[in-house]
Amino acid sequence: MKSVITFGLSPLGNQLNRSAKAMRKQSTEIKDIEEIAQQAHLGKDVSEHFTGNFQVKQQINLDFPPELLGSIDVECQLQNMNRQDWIKMVCVEKLRAIQSSRIANTV
């Protein structure tokens, strides 16, 4: 009876140890965004995580009522934008308006 070994698997079908070790090493090198933020808050240098080529992003989930989502989709079509970009744009615009208002009220 011949035994066949598939790439990356032992004769019993289990993954070989060397690939599991490589994955563990790689995953521990990547830091969680919250950990980086906490280090920055404590005043530590976190510049190694920012190369200038990428922006750190954090994915979130939002629940919208169907009516609001429909209105957003209409605006997206009118402006020829996808939903995600439109939501980010509107959030930035709103935050800038709030910040401008605060500055104007303190002067």
Protein backbone atom coordinates (compact mmCIF):
# COMPACT_ATOMS: atom_id res chain seq x y z
CA MET A 1 0.00 0.00 0.00
CA LYS A 2 1.43 3.37 -1.05
CA SER A 3 1.18 6.45 1.15
CA VAL A 4 0.65 9.77 -0.57
CA ILE A 5 1.85 13.01 0.98
CA THR A 6 0.18 16.21 -0.09
CA PHE A 7 2.18 19.43 0.13
CA GLY A 8 1.98 20.82 3.65
CA LEU A 9 0.31 17.72 5.10
CA SER A 10 1.66 14.71 6.96
CA PRO A 11 0.63 11.18 5.88
CA LEU A 12 -2.23 11.42 8.40
CA GLY A 13 -3.54 14.64 6.87
CA ASN A 14 -2.29 16.94 9.64
CA GLN A 15 -0.41 20.12 8.87
CA LEU A 16 3.33 19.91 9.28
CA ASN A 17 4.83 21.64 12.31
CA ARG A 18 7.05 23.97 10.32
CA SER A 19 4.11 25.82 8.74
CA ALA A 20 2.32 26.16 12.07
CA LYS A 21 5.43 27.65 13.67
CA ALA A 22 5.84 30.11 10.82
CA MET A 23 2.26 31.29 11.17
CA ARG A 24 2.57 31.76 14.92
CA LYS A 25 5.71 33.84 14.53
CA GLN A 26 4.13 36.04 11.87
CA SER A 27 0.89 36.66 13.80
CA THR A 28 2.68 37.72 16.98
CA GLU A 29 4.68 40.34 15.06
CA ILE A 30 1.55 42.22 14.01
CA LYS A 31 0.21 44.39 16.81
CA ASP A 32 -3.41 45.14 17.44
CA ILE A 33 -4.49 48.69 16.59
CA GLU A 34 -5.73 49.21 20.14
CA GLU A 35 -2.33 48.20 21.54
CA ILE A 36 -0.59 50.69 19.22
CA ALA A 37 -3.03 53.43 20.24
CA GLN A 38 -2.45 52.67 23.93
CA GLN A 39 1.33 52.88 23.46
CA ALA A 40 0.96 56.20 21.64
CA HIS A 41 -1.27 57.51 24.43
CA LEU A 42 1.46 56.62 26.93
CA GLY A 43 3.93 58.68 24.89
CA LYS A 44 5.88 55.80 23.37
CA ASP A 45 7.27 55.99 19.84
CA VAL A 46 4.92 54.10 17.50
CA SER A 47 6.34 55.49 14.24
CA GLU A 48 7.52 52.02 13.15
CA HIS A 49 3.87 51.12 12.54
CA PHE A 50 3.37 54.03 10.11
CA THR A 51 5.36 53.87 6.89
CA GLY A 52 3.62 56.67 5.03
CA ASN A 53 2.41 54.20 2.40
CA PHE A 54 -0.67 53.05 4.28
CA GLN A 55 -3.21 54.47 6.67
CA VAL A 56 -4.08 52.53 9.75
CA LYS A 57 -7.74 51.63 9.53
CA GLN A 58 -10.13 49.94 11.84
CA GLN A 59 -13.18 48.18 10.51
CA ILE A 60 -16.51 48.74 12.24
CA ASN A 61 -20.04 47.52 11.71
CA LEU A 62 -22.96 49.93 11.63
CA ASP A 63 -26.68 49.22 11.65
CA PHE A 64 -28.83 51.65 9.65
CA PRO A 65 -32.61 51.77 9.43
CA PRO A 66 -33.72 50.77 5.91
CA GLU A 67 -35.11 54.25 5.19
CA LEU A 68 -31.79 55.93 6.05
CA LEU A 69 -29.86 53.40 3.98
CA GLY A 70 -32.18 54.05 1.04
CA SER A 71 -31.58 57.80 1.31
CA ILE A 72 -27.83 57.23 1.49
CA ASP A 73 -27.96 55.04 -1.62
CA VAL A 74 -29.87 57.74 -3.54
CA GLU A 75 -27.19 60.31 -2.63
CA CYS A 76 -24.46 57.86 -3.62
CA GLN A 77 -26.03 57.43 -7.05
CA LEU A 78 -26.43 61.19 -7.51
CA GLN A 79 -22.76 61.77 -6.65
CA ASN A 80 -21.53 58.63 -8.43
CA MET A 81 -19.85 57.33 -5.25
CA ASN A 82 -19.89 54.03 -3.46
CA ARG A 83 -21.63 53.86 -0.10
CA GLN A 84 -18.50 53.48 2.03
CA ASP A 85 -16.76 56.49 0.49
CA TRP A 86 -19.91 58.61 0.80
CA ILE A 87 -20.34 57.76 4.50
CA LYS A 88 -16.67 58.59 5.19
CA MET A 89 -16.97 61.88 3.30
CA VAL A 90 -20.10 62.93 5.20
CA CYS A 91 -18.53 62.02 8.54
CA VAL A 92 -15.45 64.14 7.76
CA GLU A 93 -17.63 67.06 6.67
CA LYS A 94 -19.74 66.86 9.83
CA LEU A 95 -16.70 66.61 12.12
CA ARG A 96 -15.08 69.63 10.44
CA ALA A 97 -18.27 71.64 10.87
CA ILE A 98 -18.49 70.69 14.57
CA GLN A 99 -14.84 71.55 15.15
CA SER A 100 -15.18 74.90 13.31
CA SER A 101 -18.21 75.73 15.43
CA ARG A 102 -16.32 74.96 18.64
CA ILE A 103 -13.40 77.14 17.59
CA ALA A 104 -15.74 80.00 16.68
CA ASN A 105 -17.53 79.72 20.04
CA THR A 106 -14.29 79.84 22.06
CA VAL A 107 -12.99 83.01 20.36
